[in-house]
Amino acid sequence: MKKAMEKLLIATAPVNEQRVQVLRSIKGMGEVTPVVLLCFIEDFNRFDDAKKMAAFFGVPPRIKSSGDGQCHKPR
């Protein structure tokens, strides 16, 4: 049933196939994730920059520094 739902989503989602292919080229992206992301994003122009789009999904990176070193941690 899960595979059938995934196929239905991929076949009927109103997304740009070229953008789906670009996202699929990212390591770790399967077939469903790019389609779902594009459904949520709708229009890339609604975000001023990548940081704001990451914040929309709740994953903005944070930089924690102490002394000479820096540690990049996901939120």
C-alpha atoms as a PDB file:
ATOM      1  CA  MET A   1       0.000   0.000   0.000  1.00  0.00           C
ATOM      2  CA  LYS A   2       2.844   2.414   0.854  1.00  0.00           C
ATOM      3  CA  LYS A   3       4.504   1.927  -2.544  1.00  0.00           C
ATOM      4  CA  ALA A   4       1.174   2.485  -4.297  1.00  0.00           C
ATOM      5  CA  MET A   5       0.662   5.758  -2.405  1.00  0.00           C
ATOM      6  CA  GLU A   6       4.206   6.884  -3.273  1.00  0.00           C
ATOM      7  CA  LYS A   7       3.655   6.132  -6.964  1.00  0.00           C
ATOM      8  CA  LEU A   8       0.363   8.028  -6.903  1.00  0.00           C
ATOM      9  CA  LEU A   9       2.019  11.039  -5.257  1.00  0.00           C
ATOM     10  CA  ILE A  10       4.862  11.068  -7.764  1.00  0.00           C
ATOM     11  CA  ALA A  11       2.474  10.734 -10.706  1.00  0.00           C
ATOM     12  CA  THR A  12      -0.055  13.374  -9.647  1.00  0.00           C
ATOM     13  CA  ALA A  13       1.877  16.034  -7.692  1.00  0.00           C
ATOM     14  CA  PRO A  14       1.816  19.419  -9.444  1.00  0.00           C
ATOM     15  CA  VAL A  15       5.597  19.923  -9.506  1.00  0.00           C
ATOM     16  CA  ASN A  16       8.146  20.837 -12.170  1.00  0.00           C
ATOM     17  CA  GLU A  17       9.851  17.613 -13.325  1.00  0.00           C
ATOM     18  CA  GLN A  18      13.107  19.455 -14.071  1.00  0.00           C
ATOM     19  CA  ARG A  19      13.294  20.658 -10.459  1.00  0.00           C
ATOM     20  CA  VAL A  20      12.533  17.136  -9.236  1.00  0.00           C
ATOM     21  CA  GLN A  21      15.469  15.816 -11.275  1.00  0.00           C
ATOM     22  CA  VAL A  22      17.807  18.490  -9.864  1.00  0.00           C
ATOM     23  CA  LEU A  23      16.837  17.562  -6.297  1.00  0.00           C
ATOM     24  CA  ARG A  24      17.195  13.846  -7.080  1.00  0.00           C
ATOM     25  CA  SER A  25      20.807  14.495  -8.064  1.00  0.00           C
ATOM     26  CA  ILE A  26      21.569  15.296  -4.404  1.00  0.00           C
ATOM     27  CA  LYS A  27      23.028  12.332  -2.570  1.00  0.00           C
ATOM     28  CA  GLY A  28      20.441  10.742  -0.290  1.00  0.00           C
ATOM     29  CA  MET A  29      17.388  12.014  -2.165  1.00  0.00           C
ATOM     30  CA  GLY A  30      15.029   9.248  -3.170  1.00  0.00           C
ATOM     31  CA  GLU A  31      12.052   9.508  -5.471  1.00  0.00           C
ATOM     32  CA  VAL A  32       9.460  10.793  -2.996  1.00  0.00           C
ATOM     33  CA  THR A  33      11.417  13.391  -0.978  1.00  0.00           C
ATOM     34  CA  PRO A  34      12.001  15.860  -3.851  1.00  0.00           C
ATOM     35  CA  VAL A  35       8.309  15.759  -4.780  1.00  0.00           C
ATOM     36  CA  VAL A  36       7.203  16.382  -1.188  1.00  0.00           C
ATOM     37  CA  LEU A  37       9.732  19.215  -0.749  1.00  0.00           C
ATOM     38  CA  LEU A  38       8.546  20.910  -3.914  1.00  0.00           C
ATOM     39  CA  CYS A  39       4.917  20.571  -2.836  1.00  0.00           C
ATOM     40  CA  PHE A  40       5.724  22.372   0.415  1.00  0.00           C
ATOM     41  CA  ILE A  41       7.974  25.016  -1.148  1.00  0.00           C
ATOM     42  CA  GLU A  42       5.520  25.818  -3.978  1.00  0.00           C
ATOM     43  CA  ASP A  43       7.502  28.859  -5.153  1.00  0.00           C
ATOM     44  CA  PHE A  44      11.203  29.389  -4.425  1.00  0.00           C
ATOM     45  CA  ASN A  45      10.728  33.147  -4.796  1.00  0.00           C
ATOM     46  CA  ARG A  46       8.778  33.304  -1.536  1.00  0.00           C
ATOM     47  CA  PHE A  47      12.087  32.893   0.333  1.00  0.00           C
ATOM     48  CA  ASP A  48      14.649  35.685   0.317  1.00  0.00           C
ATOM     49  CA  ASP A  49      17.546  33.249   0.710  1.00  0.00           C
ATOM     50  CA  ALA A  50      18.450  29.637   1.506  1.00  0.00           C
ATOM     51  CA  LYS A  51      18.674  30.419   5.221  1.00  0.00           C
ATOM     52  CA  LYS A  52      15.030  31.477   5.337  1.00  0.00           C
ATOM     53  CA  MET A  53      13.951  28.395   3.399  1.00  0.00           C
ATOM     54  CA  ALA A  54      15.873  26.175   5.840  1.00  0.00           C
ATOM     55  CA  ALA A  55      14.181  27.989   8.729  1.00  0.00           C
ATOM     56  CA  PHE A  56      10.786  27.288   7.119  1.00  0.00           C
ATOM     57  CA  PHE A  57      11.574  23.576   7.407  1.00  0.00           C
ATOM     58  CA  GLY A  58      12.997  24.004  10.913  1.00  0.00           C
ATOM     59  CA  VAL A  59      16.600  23.134  10.109  1.00  0.00           C
ATOM     60  CA  PRO A  60      18.651  26.342  10.113  1.00  0.00           C
ATOM     61  CA  PRO A  61      22.332  25.687  10.859  1.00  0.00           C
ATOM     62  CA  ARG A  62      23.928  27.250  13.911  1.00  0.00           C
ATOM     63  CA  ILE A  63      27.581  28.079  14.423  1.00  0.00           C
ATOM     64  CA  LYS A  64      28.963  27.620  17.913  1.00  0.00           C
ATOM     65  CA  SER A  65      32.435  28.963  18.512  1.00  0.00           C
ATOM     66  CA  SER A  66      34.788  28.939  21.445  1.00  0.00           C
ATOM     67  CA  GLY A  67      38.364  30.057  21.316  1.00  0.00           C
ATOM     68  CA  ASP A  68      39.943  29.331  17.953  1.00  0.00           C
ATOM     69  CA  GLY A  69      37.605  26.551  16.824  1.00  0.00           C
ATOM     70  CA  GLN A  70      34.156  26.576  15.362  1.00  0.00           C
ATOM     71  CA  CYS A  71      31.572  23.845  15.463  1.00  0.00           C
ATOM     72  CA  HIS A  72      28.824  23.795  12.836  1.00  0.00           C
ATOM     73  CA  LYS A  73      25.782  22.135  14.342  1.00  0.00           C
ATOM     74  CA  PRO A  74      22.392  21.579  12.834  1.00  0.00           C
ATOM     75  CA  ARG A  75      19.630  22.881  14.950  1.00  0.00           C
END
